[in-house]
Amino acid sequence: MRCLALAQQWIADGGTTVFMGQIDSPALIQRLTGEGIRYIPLEEAYPDPRDLEKTLAVLGETSDPQSPARPCWVVLDGYHFDPAYQQAIRQAGYRLLMLDDNAHWPEYHAHILLNQNPHAAESLYAHREPDTRLLLGTHYALLRREFFPWREWNRETPDLARKILLTMGGSDPDNVTLRVLQALRDVFVEGLEVKVIVGAANPHYAALQAEAEHALHALHAIQLEQNVTDMPALMAWADVVISASGSACWELAFMGLPSILVVLAENQLPLAAWLDAVGVALSLGWHADLSVSKVAETLSNLIHDTTRRKIMQRRGRELVDSLGSERVAGAMQLPYLHLRPARAADRLLVFQWANEPGVRAVSFSSEVISWDAHVIWFDKQLNDSRSLFFIAENGIGKPVGQVRFVLDDHQATISISLDHTIRGRGFGRSLIALASQQVFENTPVTLIHAYIKQGNTASQRAFAGAGYRLQEPVMIKERPAFHMILEAI
């Protein structure tokens, strides 16, 4: 699911995606192909040499590793991709992103290492390549696009939590779900509604169905859900969830859903313990040690504890903001950012950027720009020898912003705006640095001025990151502004 989240963002940014692996679930394969993703099955998994051979063959058929404008990335997500496999991908000329949870290899050879866990730290990856970029922490948690419409949603916290969601992932080979369902017999709350997500690879459906039918004659109504396509809606419906402590924890945190976690794999132990310690969730620990009485007691207490559920809700939302997929995709595209001259066909695009509410809010003139006024201004810029006007495109050819310089002898003034979908991903700093360098190299300019409306701290940070130095404040159109400069070296 986290790879799907990244693939969705890559496609939204204009790229294409291929999944390779061993997927036993027809429903999951259908989910991928329905997203416009090509799926290529692998007969054997690494360390079988046929894995790497086929991977490199497919890469050779579908991409050019030397293309500077169309980066081909290989994303590895699995505990068996050892340093030798990483080196083989890298030595073949492809960019490599590796999702990692435990820092269990003695060395890493990825261009980007992504560890979205809260305990991730640079010290875990001391033995990495000199050019490796680290993306660490929940800032980069990968959420699928179906969660994006819930960004402005606020959960209501009832006095009594009667809606319970139960999900143990795709397969649940030890049938932990059944043990939790049995524990519900000892939760004496009238009107309890329970929805159980049964993964496509779960072999225990019949046993779960039998338990659910038994419960129908008892205190609770239990409903089994299979091949679920709208998890956010189910998370919004629920008051409490009992879940495996895998990467779905980030989705639960984002949805502000008070969580009781069960550890199904050793690599989940640190995450469950950390989420418990910071008050985002309650951990029941290792599944083999799970007792029916402990489950019933923990759930009963949380059902009645309104204050604790409100705290868990708030802290979860503070932890995950759903922008991780955009940040990671942006980091993958960033090395391939390039500029081209603006042209007449960009007139509408720049108009839309200029009138985007976020841009107007930080402009010295906040009024909406009319189309007629924009056309006059835009055409003048294209024909003015003192104006250098560029459109920035990312590594997969999508326009992501504009930058303009007004030249005055050996000085210039810069202005910049970004498409709202890529803000906060490092593009601003890189675009400023790239465009400024081109001006220094191709014109007589030796000093560039930037004027930033006070309060626009994001732009100030971007210019500072590109090497601009803060000067004395000035007034622009009767508004206070930061003045920053960059001098040619």
Protein backbone atom coordinates (compact mmCIF):
# COMPACT_ATOMS: atom_id res chain seq x y z
CA MET A 1 0.00 0.00 0.00
CA ARG A 2 2.84 2.44 0.69
CA CYS A 3 4.34 1.68 -2.72
CA LEU A 4 0.91 2.24 -4.27
CA ALA A 5 0.74 5.62 -2.53
CA LEU A 6 4.07 6.63 -4.06
CA ALA A 7 3.04 5.29 -7.47
CA GLN A 8 -0.19 7.31 -7.38
CA GLN A 9 1.76 10.50 -6.74
CA TRP A 10 4.32 9.70 -9.45
CA ILE A 11 1.50 9.16 -11.96
CA ALA A 12 -0.25 12.36 -10.83
CA ASP A 13 3.00 14.22 -11.53
CA GLY A 14 3.02 12.90 -15.10
CA GLY A 15 5.09 9.71 -14.84
CA THR A 16 4.44 6.03 -15.43
CA THR A 17 4.84 3.15 -13.00
CA VAL A 18 5.57 -0.58 -13.24
CA PHE A 19 5.18 -2.99 -10.32
CA MET A 20 7.33 -6.13 -10.25
CA GLY A 21 7.04 -8.86 -7.66
CA GLN A 22 5.13 -11.92 -6.53
CA ILE A 23 1.51 -10.99 -5.81
CA ASP A 24 -0.84 -13.89 -5.06
CA SER A 25 -3.99 -11.80 -4.74
CA PRO A 26 -5.98 -11.25 -7.99
CA ALA A 27 -7.85 -8.42 -6.25
CA LEU A 28 -4.59 -6.60 -5.52
CA ILE A 29 -3.38 -7.05 -9.10
CA GLN A 30 -6.70 -5.67 -10.31
CA ARG A 31 -6.28 -2.72 -7.94
CA LEU A 32 -2.89 -1.93 -9.48
CA THR A 33 -4.00 -2.23 -13.08
CA GLY A 34 -7.07 -0.15 -12.29
CA GLU A 35 -4.68 2.63 -11.26
CA GLY A 36 -3.00 2.52 -14.67
CA ILE A 37 -0.04 0.56 -13.31
CA ARG A 38 1.56 -2.24 -15.29
CA TYR A 39 2.20 -5.39 -13.27
CA ILE A 40 4.98 -7.82 -14.19
CA PRO A 41 5.11 -11.04 -12.15
CA LEU A 42 8.39 -12.52 -10.97
CA GLU A 43 8.61 -16.30 -11.02
CA GLU A 44 11.40 -16.36 -8.45
CA ALA A 45 12.35 -13.88 -5.76
CA TYR A 46 15.84 -12.69 -4.88
CA PRO A 47 18.32 -14.16 -3.90
CA ASP A 48 17.39 -16.32 -6.87
CA PRO A 49 19.45 -14.70 -9.68
CA ARG A 50 16.46 -14.75 -12.04
CA ASP A 51 14.89 -11.94 -10.02
CA LEU A 52 17.67 -9.46 -10.73
CA GLU A 53 18.12 -10.67 -14.31
CA LYS A 54 14.47 -10.07 -15.16
CA THR A 55 14.39 -6.75 -13.32
CA LEU A 56 17.36 -5.42 -15.30
CA ALA A 57 15.90 -6.79 -18.54
CA VAL A 58 12.57 -5.00 -17.97
CA LEU A 59 14.39 -1.80 -17.09
CA GLY A 60 16.39 -2.04 -20.30
CA GLU A 61 13.23 -2.46 -22.35
CA THR A 62 11.28 0.38 -20.79
CA SER A 63 13.76 3.15 -20.00
CA ASP A 64 17.01 4.90 -20.80
CA PRO A 65 19.12 5.14 -17.63
CA GLN A 66 21.19 7.95 -19.14
CA SER A 67 18.27 10.24 -19.98
CA PRO A 68 18.78 13.43 -17.93
CA ALA A 69 15.22 14.66 -18.48
CA ARG A 70 13.32 11.42 -17.80
CA PRO A 71 14.61 9.80 -14.63
CA CYS A 72 13.98 6.09 -14.17
CA TRP A 73 13.77 5.12 -10.53
CA VAL A 74 13.79 1.66 -9.05
CA VAL A 75 11.96 1.51 -5.72
CA LEU A 76 12.81 -1.45 -3.48
CA ASP A 77 10.53 -2.39 -0.59
CA GLY A 78 11.47 -5.66 1.08
CA TYR A 79 13.81 -7.04 3.70
CA HIS A 80 15.72 -9.29 1.27
CA PHE A 81 17.21 -6.57 -0.96
CA ASP A 82 20.76 -6.82 0.29
CA PRO A 83 23.73 -4.51 -0.56
CA ALA A 84 24.65 -6.66 -3.57
CA TYR A 85 21.19 -6.19 -5.11
CA GLN A 86 21.31 -2.46 -4.42
CA GLN A 87 24.72 -2.16 -6.04
CA ALA A 88 23.58 -4.04 -9.14
CA ILE A 89 20.72 -1.59 -9.72
CA ARG A 90 22.93 1.40 -9.12
CA GLN A 91 25.80 0.15 -11.28
CA ALA A 92 23.37 -0.41 -14.16
CA GLY A 93 22.83 3.37 -14.18
CA TYR A 94 19.40 3.63 -12.58
CA ARG A 95 18.32 5.82 -9.70
CA LEU A 96 17.51 3.82 -6.57
CA LEU A 97 15.07 4.57 -3.76
CA MET A 98 14.94 2.10 -0.91
CA LEU A 99 12.19 1.90 1.68
CA ASP A 100 13.69 0.72 4.93
CA ASP A 101 12.35 0.18 8.44
CA ASN A 102 15.08 -1.40 10.52
CA ALA A 103 18.50 -0.33 9.14
CA HIS A 104 19.44 -4.02 9.24
CA TRP A 105 22.02 -4.03 6.42
CA PRO A 106 25.67 -3.17 7.15
CA GLU A 107 25.71 -0.73 4.22
CA TYR A 108 23.32 0.95 1.80
CA HIS A 109 23.77 2.03 -1.82
CA ALA A 110 20.54 3.92 -2.58
CA HIS A 111 20.32 7.44 -3.96
CA ILE A 112 17.40 7.99 -1.56
CA LEU A 113 16.81 6.09 1.69
CA LEU A 114 13.27 6.45 3.01
CA ASN A 115 12.46 5.45 6.58
CA GLN A 116 9.08 6.86 7.58
CA ASN A 117 9.26 5.58 11.16
CA PRO A 118 9.53 8.05 14.05
CA HIS A 119 12.68 6.37 15.39
CA ALA A 120 14.55 6.87 12.10
CA ALA A 121 17.84 8.74 12.55
CA GLU A 122 20.85 9.60 10.41
CA SER A 123 23.11 7.60 12.74
CA LEU A 124 21.39 4.39 11.59
CA TYR A 125 22.78 4.89 8.09
CA ALA A 126 26.38 5.84 8.70
CA HIS A 127 27.57 3.40 6.02
CA ARG A 128 25.86 4.83 2.95
CA GLU A 129 26.95 6.34 -0.36
CA PRO A 130 28.25 9.94 -0.26
CA ASP A 131 25.37 11.11 -2.46
CA THR A 132 22.61 9.29 -0.55
CA ARG A 133 19.75 11.54 0.52
CA LEU A 134 17.94 10.54 3.72
CA LEU A 135 14.18 11.03 4.06
CA LEU A 136 13.49 10.21 7.70
CA GLY A 137 10.43 10.31 9.94
CA THR A 138 6.67 10.65 9.72
CA HIS A 139 7.06 13.80 7.59
CA TYR A 140 7.49 11.30 4.74
CA ALA A 141 4.75 8.83 5.69
CA LEU A 142 3.22 7.53 2.45
CA LEU A 143 -0.57 7.85 2.30
CA ARG A 144 -2.69 6.91 -0.69
CA ARG A 145 -4.64 9.59 -2.51
CA GLU A 146 -8.00 8.35 -1.18
CA PHE A 147 -7.05 9.97 2.13
CA PHE A 148 -6.49 13.43 0.60
CA PRO A 149 -10.18 14.52 0.64
CA TRP A 150 -10.14 14.04 4.43
CA ARG A 151 -7.49 16.69 5.08
CA GLU A 152 -9.98 19.27 6.35
CA TRP A 153 -12.23 16.76 8.10
CA ASN A 154 -12.61 16.87 11.88
CA ARG A 155 -13.60 13.81 13.88
CA GLU A 156 -16.37 14.01 16.47
CA THR A 157 -15.64 12.15 19.72
CA PRO A 158 -18.74 10.52 21.26
CA ASP A 159 -19.05 9.99 25.00
CA LEU A 160 -19.22 6.24 24.41
CA ALA A 161 -17.31 4.62 21.52
CA ARG A 162 -19.75 2.10 20.05
CA LYS A 163 -18.32 1.77 16.52
CA ILE A 164 -15.33 -0.59 16.41
CA LEU A 165 -13.16 -1.31 13.37
CA LEU A 166 -10.98 -4.43 13.31
CA THR A 167 -8.19 -4.90 10.72
CA MET A 168 -5.15 -7.17 10.83
CA GLY A 169 -3.75 -6.58 7.37
CA GLY A 170 -3.96 -8.57 4.17
CA SER A 171 -3.34 -12.14 5.31
CA ASP A 172 -3.34 -12.61 9.12
CA PRO A 173 -1.92 -16.17 8.96
CA ASP A 174 -2.20 -16.69 12.74
CA ASN A 175 -5.86 -15.61 12.75
CA VAL A 176 -5.39 -12.92 15.37
CA THR A 177 -8.67 -11.45 14.10
CA LEU A 178 -10.58 -14.42 15.53
CA ARG A 179 -8.96 -14.01 18.95
CA VAL A 180 -10.01 -10.35 19.04
CA LEU A 181 -13.56 -11.22 17.98
CA GLN A 182 -13.76 -13.77 20.79
CA ALA A 183 -12.63 -11.09 23.23
CA LEU A 184 -15.62 -8.96 22.22
CA ARG A 185 -17.87 -11.47 24.01
CA ASP A 186 -16.52 -9.99 27.27
CA VAL A 187 -17.09 -6.35 26.30
CA PHE A 188 -20.44 -5.50 27.87
CA VAL A 189 -21.51 -2.37 26.00
CA GLU A 190 -24.96 -2.37 24.45
CA GLY A 191 -25.31 -1.37 20.80
CA LEU A 192 -21.72 -2.16 19.86
CA GLU A 193 -21.19 -2.23 16.09
CA VAL A 194 -18.13 -4.05 14.76
CA LYS A 195 -16.82 -4.01 11.20
CA VAL A 196 -14.07 -6.53 10.41
CA ILE A 197 -11.78 -6.00 7.41
CA VAL A 198 -10.85 -9.40 6.01
CA GLY A 199 -7.83 -9.11 3.69
CA ALA A 200 -7.86 -10.68 0.25
CA ALA A 201 -5.18 -13.20 1.28
CA ASN A 202 -6.81 -14.15 4.61
CA PRO A 203 -7.44 -17.96 4.68
CA HIS A 204 -9.72 -17.86 7.74
CA TYR A 205 -12.88 -16.31 6.33
CA ALA A 206 -15.12 -19.27 7.23
CA ALA A 207 -14.03 -19.27 10.88
CA LEU A 208 -14.51 -15.52 11.13
CA GLN A 209 -17.94 -15.77 9.56
CA ALA A 210 -18.94 -18.43 12.08
CA GLU A 211 -17.82 -16.22 14.97
CA ALA A 212 -19.68 -13.23 13.52
CA GLU A 213 -22.90 -15.25 13.21
CA HIS A 214 -22.49 -16.43 16.82
CA ALA A 215 -22.16 -12.81 17.92
CA LEU A 216 -25.37 -11.85 16.14
CA HIS A 217 -27.25 -13.85 18.75
CA ALA A 218 -25.27 -12.20 21.54
CA LEU A 219 -24.67 -8.56 22.41
CA HIS A 220 -22.92 -7.19 19.32
CA ALA A 221 -23.56 -6.84 15.59
CA ILE A 222 -20.51 -7.94 13.60
CA GLN A 223 -20.10 -7.33 9.87
CA LEU A 224 -17.31 -8.77 7.73
CA GLU A 225 -15.92 -6.59 4.92
CA GLN A 226 -13.75 -8.02 2.13
CA ASN A 227 -12.00 -6.34 -0.83
CA VAL A 228 -12.53 -2.92 0.75
CA THR A 229 -11.92 -0.02 -1.63
CA ASP A 230 -12.68 2.92 0.68
CA MET A 231 -10.71 2.51 3.89
CA PRO A 232 -10.83 6.22 4.80
CA ALA A 233 -14.63 6.08 4.97
CA LEU A 234 -14.48 3.09 7.31
CA MET A 235 -11.89 4.82 9.48
CA ALA A 236 -14.12 7.90 9.59
CA TRP A 237 -17.09 5.74 10.58
CA ALA A 238 -15.28 4.08 13.48
CA ASP A 239 -14.77 5.43 16.99
CA VAL A 240 -11.95 2.98 17.83
CA VAL A 241 -9.82 0.59 15.77
CA ILE A 242 -7.98 -2.59 16.74
CA SER A 243 -5.22 -2.96 14.16
CA ALA A 244 -1.96 -4.61 13.28
CA SER A 245 0.88 -2.17 13.98
CA GLY A 246 2.21 -1.92 10.42
CA SER A 247 2.33 1.01 8.03
CA ALA A 248 -1.46 1.41 8.30
CA CYS A 249 -0.71 3.17 11.60
CA TRP A 250 0.09 6.32 9.62
CA GLU A 251 -3.33 6.21 7.97
CA LEU A 252 -5.01 5.73 11.34
CA ALA A 253 -3.03 8.59 12.85
CA PHE A 254 -3.93 10.90 9.98
CA MET A 255 -7.62 10.03 10.38
CA GLY A 256 -7.38 10.75 14.11
CA LEU A 257 -8.73 7.29 14.93
CA PRO A 258 -7.93 6.09 18.47
CA SER A 259 -6.04 2.83 17.99
CA ILE A 260 -5.32 -0.38 19.87
CA LEU A 261 -2.34 -2.09 18.22
CA VAL A 262 -1.29 -5.72 17.97
CA VAL A 263 2.27 -6.57 16.92
CA LEU A 264 2.27 -9.23 14.17
CA ALA A 265 5.95 -9.01 13.13
CA GLU A 266 9.15 -8.21 14.99
CA ASN A 267 9.82 -5.11 12.92
CA GLN A 268 6.52 -3.64 14.20
CA LEU A 269 7.61 -3.72 17.86
CA PRO A 270 9.48 -0.36 17.95
CA LEU A 271 6.66 1.46 16.15
CA ALA A 272 3.92 0.11 18.42
CA ALA A 273 5.94 0.95 21.53
CA TRP A 274 6.67 4.49 20.30
CA LEU A 275 3.06 5.22 19.35
CA ASP A 276 1.97 4.01 22.78
CA ALA A 277 4.60 6.15 24.51
CA VAL A 278 3.53 9.37 22.76
CA GLY A 279 -0.17 8.76 23.33
CA VAL A 280 -1.23 8.10 19.74
CA ALA A 281 -2.21 4.46 20.36
CA LEU A 282 -2.33 1.67 22.93
CA SER A 283 -0.11 -1.34 22.27
CA LEU A 284 -1.18 -4.86 23.26
CA GLY A 285 2.28 -6.16 22.36
CA TRP A 286 3.24 -9.39 20.63
CA HIS A 287 0.30 -11.31 19.13
CA ALA A 288 1.38 -14.71 20.49
CA ASP A 289 1.13 -13.33 24.05
CA LEU A 290 -2.27 -11.82 23.44
CA SER A 291 -4.96 -12.87 25.92
CA VAL A 292 -8.68 -12.53 25.36
CA SER A 293 -9.08 -10.86 28.75
CA LYS A 294 -6.40 -8.24 27.97
CA VAL A 295 -8.07 -7.32 24.68
CA ALA A 296 -11.49 -7.04 26.34
CA GLU A 297 -10.18 -4.94 29.23
CA THR A 298 -8.21 -2.53 27.03
CA LEU A 299 -11.08 -2.02 24.61
CA SER A 300 -13.66 -1.57 27.38
CA ASN A 301 -11.54 1.07 29.08
CA LEU A 302 -10.99 3.02 25.86
CA ILE A 303 -14.67 2.83 24.91
CA HIS A 304 -15.51 4.69 28.13
CA ASP A 305 -12.50 7.08 28.21
CA THR A 306 -13.58 10.10 26.15
CA THR A 307 -10.66 12.27 27.27
CA ARG A 308 -8.05 9.75 26.22
CA ARG A 309 -9.65 9.26 22.82
CA LYS A 310 -9.62 13.02 22.22
CA ILE A 311 -5.91 13.16 23.07
CA MET A 312 -5.13 10.23 20.74
CA GLN A 313 -7.10 11.92 17.97
CA ARG A 314 -5.24 15.23 18.31
CA ARG A 315 -1.79 13.69 18.54
CA GLY A 316 -2.37 11.45 15.54
CA ARG A 317 -3.30 14.41 13.37
CA GLU A 318 -0.23 16.28 14.58
CA LEU A 319 1.97 13.33 13.62
CA VAL A 320 0.86 12.76 10.00
CA ASP A 321 -0.32 15.44 7.55
CA SER A 322 -0.83 13.23 4.43
CA LEU A 323 1.76 15.13 2.34
CA GLY A 324 4.48 12.48 2.60
CA SER A 325 3.90 10.99 -0.87
CA GLU A 326 4.23 14.44 -2.44
CA ARG A 327 7.46 15.13 -0.54
CA VAL A 328 9.03 11.82 -1.55
CA ALA A 329 8.00 12.15 -5.22
CA GLY A 330 9.36 15.69 -5.18
CA ALA A 331 12.70 14.50 -3.81
CA MET A 332 12.89 11.94 -6.63
CA GLN A 333 12.26 14.58 -9.29
CA LEU A 334 14.34 17.37 -7.79
CA PRO A 335 17.71 16.49 -9.41
CA TYR A 336 16.07 16.74 -12.83
CA LEU A 337 14.45 20.16 -12.46
CA HIS A 338 15.14 22.26 -15.57
CA LEU A 339 14.19 25.62 -17.06
CA ARG A 340 12.91 26.55 -20.49
CA PRO A 341 11.94 29.97 -21.86
CA ALA A 342 8.30 30.92 -21.39
CA ARG A 343 6.26 30.93 -24.60
CA ALA A 344 2.86 32.13 -25.77
CA ALA A 345 1.29 28.73 -25.05
CA ASP A 346 2.05 29.23 -21.33
CA ARG A 347 -0.23 32.28 -21.07
CA LEU A 348 -3.16 30.41 -19.47
CA LEU A 349 -0.96 28.32 -17.19
CA VAL A 350 0.80 31.36 -15.74
CA PHE A 351 -2.57 33.12 -15.36
CA GLN A 352 -3.85 30.22 -13.28
CA TRP A 353 -0.71 30.20 -11.14
CA ALA A 354 -0.88 33.96 -10.62
CA ASN A 355 -4.50 33.87 -9.42
CA GLU A 356 -4.11 30.86 -7.14
CA PRO A 357 -5.27 32.05 -3.67
CA GLY A 358 -1.97 31.12 -2.00
CA VAL A 359 -0.03 33.24 -4.51
CA ARG A 360 -2.34 36.23 -4.20
CA ALA A 361 -2.09 36.09 -0.41
CA VAL A 362 1.70 36.58 -0.46
CA SER A 363 1.77 39.10 -3.33
CA PHE A 364 2.25 42.83 -2.75
CA SER A 365 -1.01 43.37 -4.66
CA SER A 366 -3.51 40.77 -3.47
CA GLU A 367 -6.35 41.62 -5.87
CA VAL A 368 -7.37 38.99 -8.42
CA ILE A 369 -5.81 39.65 -11.85
CA SER A 370 -8.18 39.96 -14.81
CA TRP A 371 -7.54 37.95 -17.97
CA ASP A 372 -7.23 41.06 -20.16
CA ALA A 373 -4.68 42.65 -17.82
CA HIS A 374 -2.75 39.38 -17.64
CA VAL A 375 -2.55 39.03 -21.45
CA ILE A 376 -1.13 42.56 -21.80
CA TRP A 377 1.41 41.93 -19.02
CA PHE A 378 2.39 38.46 -20.24
CA ASP A 379 2.94 39.45 -23.87
CA LYS A 380 5.00 42.43 -22.74
CA GLN A 381 7.29 40.14 -20.73
CA LEU A 382 7.89 37.89 -23.72
CA ASN A 383 8.88 40.86 -25.88
CA ASP A 384 10.89 42.83 -23.33
CA SER A 385 14.67 42.40 -23.70
CA ARG A 386 15.10 43.27 -20.02
CA SER A 387 12.86 40.38 -18.94
CA LEU A 388 14.08 36.81 -18.58
CA PHE A 389 11.03 34.60 -18.17
CA PHE A 390 11.35 30.85 -17.47
CA ILE A 391 8.99 27.94 -16.93
CA ALA A 392 10.33 25.21 -14.63
CA GLU A 393 9.59 21.57 -15.45
CA ASN A 394 10.20 18.57 -13.24
CA GLY A 395 11.99 15.39 -14.28
CA ILE A 396 8.93 13.96 -16.00
CA GLY A 397 8.14 17.03 -18.07
CA LYS A 398 5.40 18.60 -15.95
CA PRO A 399 5.46 22.42 -15.51
CA VAL A 400 5.81 23.13 -11.80
CA GLY A 401 6.44 26.88 -11.59
CA GLN A 402 7.74 30.07 -13.13
CA VAL A 403 10.66 32.38 -12.39
CA ARG A 404 11.23 35.82 -13.89
CA PHE A 405 14.11 38.30 -13.78
CA VAL A 406 13.92 42.01 -14.55
CA LEU A 407 17.40 43.08 -15.69
CA ASP A 408 18.95 46.46 -14.96
CA ASP A 409 22.55 46.63 -16.15
CA HIS A 410 24.56 44.40 -13.76
CA GLN A 411 21.65 43.83 -11.39
CA ALA A 412 18.38 41.92 -11.59
CA THR A 413 15.22 41.40 -9.54
CA ILE A 414 13.77 37.91 -9.23
CA SER A 415 10.15 36.79 -8.77
CA ILE A 416 8.95 33.21 -8.49
CA SER A 417 5.79 31.19 -8.00
CA LEU A 418 5.16 27.45 -7.76
CA ASP A 419 2.24 25.25 -8.67
CA HIS A 420 0.33 24.69 -5.40
CA THR A 421 0.60 20.90 -5.74
CA ILE A 422 4.38 20.88 -5.24
CA ARG A 423 4.89 23.43 -2.48
CA GLY A 424 6.72 22.29 0.61
CA ARG A 425 8.77 19.71 -1.31
CA GLY A 426 12.03 21.62 -1.83
CA PHE A 427 11.33 22.78 -5.39
CA GLY A 428 11.35 26.47 -4.47
CA ARG A 429 14.89 26.47 -3.12
CA SER A 430 16.18 24.41 -6.05
CA LEU A 431 14.39 26.54 -8.65
CA ILE A 432 15.77 29.77 -7.17
CA ALA A 433 19.31 28.37 -7.10
CA LEU A 434 19.11 26.94 -10.63
CA ALA A 435 17.62 30.08 -12.20
CA SER A 436 20.00 32.44 -10.38
CA GLN A 437 23.00 30.44 -11.55
CA GLN A 438 21.81 30.56 -15.16
CA VAL A 439 21.44 34.35 -14.97
CA PHE A 440 24.96 34.74 -13.61
CA GLU A 441 26.39 32.46 -16.30
CA ASN A 442 24.53 33.92 -19.30
CA THR A 443 24.15 37.64 -18.57
CA PRO A 444 26.32 40.49 -17.21
CA VAL A 445 24.32 40.38 -13.95
CA THR A 446 26.44 40.10 -10.78
CA LEU A 447 23.79 40.94 -8.15
CA ILE A 448 20.21 39.66 -7.79
CA HIS A 449 17.59 41.22 -5.52
CA ALA A 450 14.57 39.44 -4.03
CA TYR A 451 11.70 41.21 -2.27
CA ILE A 452 9.45 39.08 -0.08
CA LYS A 453 6.28 40.19 1.65
CA GLN A 454 6.71 40.04 5.41
CA GLY A 455 4.93 37.01 6.81
CA ASN A 456 5.88 34.82 3.85
CA THR A 457 8.34 32.76 5.86
CA ALA A 458 8.28 29.85 3.39
CA SER A 459 9.70 32.03 0.60
CA GLN A 460 12.22 33.59 2.95
CA ARG A 461 13.48 30.10 3.88
CA ALA A 462 13.62 29.07 0.22
CA PHE A 463 15.73 32.09 -0.76
CA ALA A 464 17.98 31.63 2.26
CA GLY A 465 18.43 27.97 1.30
CA ALA A 466 19.50 29.08 -2.18
CA GLY A 467 22.21 31.31 -0.70
CA TYR A 468 20.44 34.69 -0.57
CA ARG A 469 21.37 36.98 2.35
CA LEU A 470 18.92 39.10 4.31
CA GLN A 471 19.33 42.91 4.14
CA GLU A 472 17.55 45.79 5.83
CA PRO A 473 13.72 45.68 5.48
CA VAL A 474 12.16 47.89 2.78
CA MET A 475 8.69 49.06 1.74
CA ILE A 476 7.16 47.72 -1.49
CA LYS A 477 3.82 49.22 -2.57
CA GLU A 478 3.45 50.59 0.96
CA ARG A 479 3.89 47.13 2.45
CA PRO A 480 6.86 45.98 4.59
CA ALA A 481 9.10 43.52 2.79
CA PHE A 482 12.21 41.44 3.35
CA HIS A 483 15.06 42.37 1.05
CA MET A 484 17.48 39.56 0.17
CA ILE A 485 20.43 39.53 -2.24
CA LEU A 486 22.66 37.02 -3.99
CA GLU A 487 26.03 38.01 -5.42
CA ALA A 488 27.87 36.20 -8.17
CA ILE A 489 30.89 34.29 -6.95
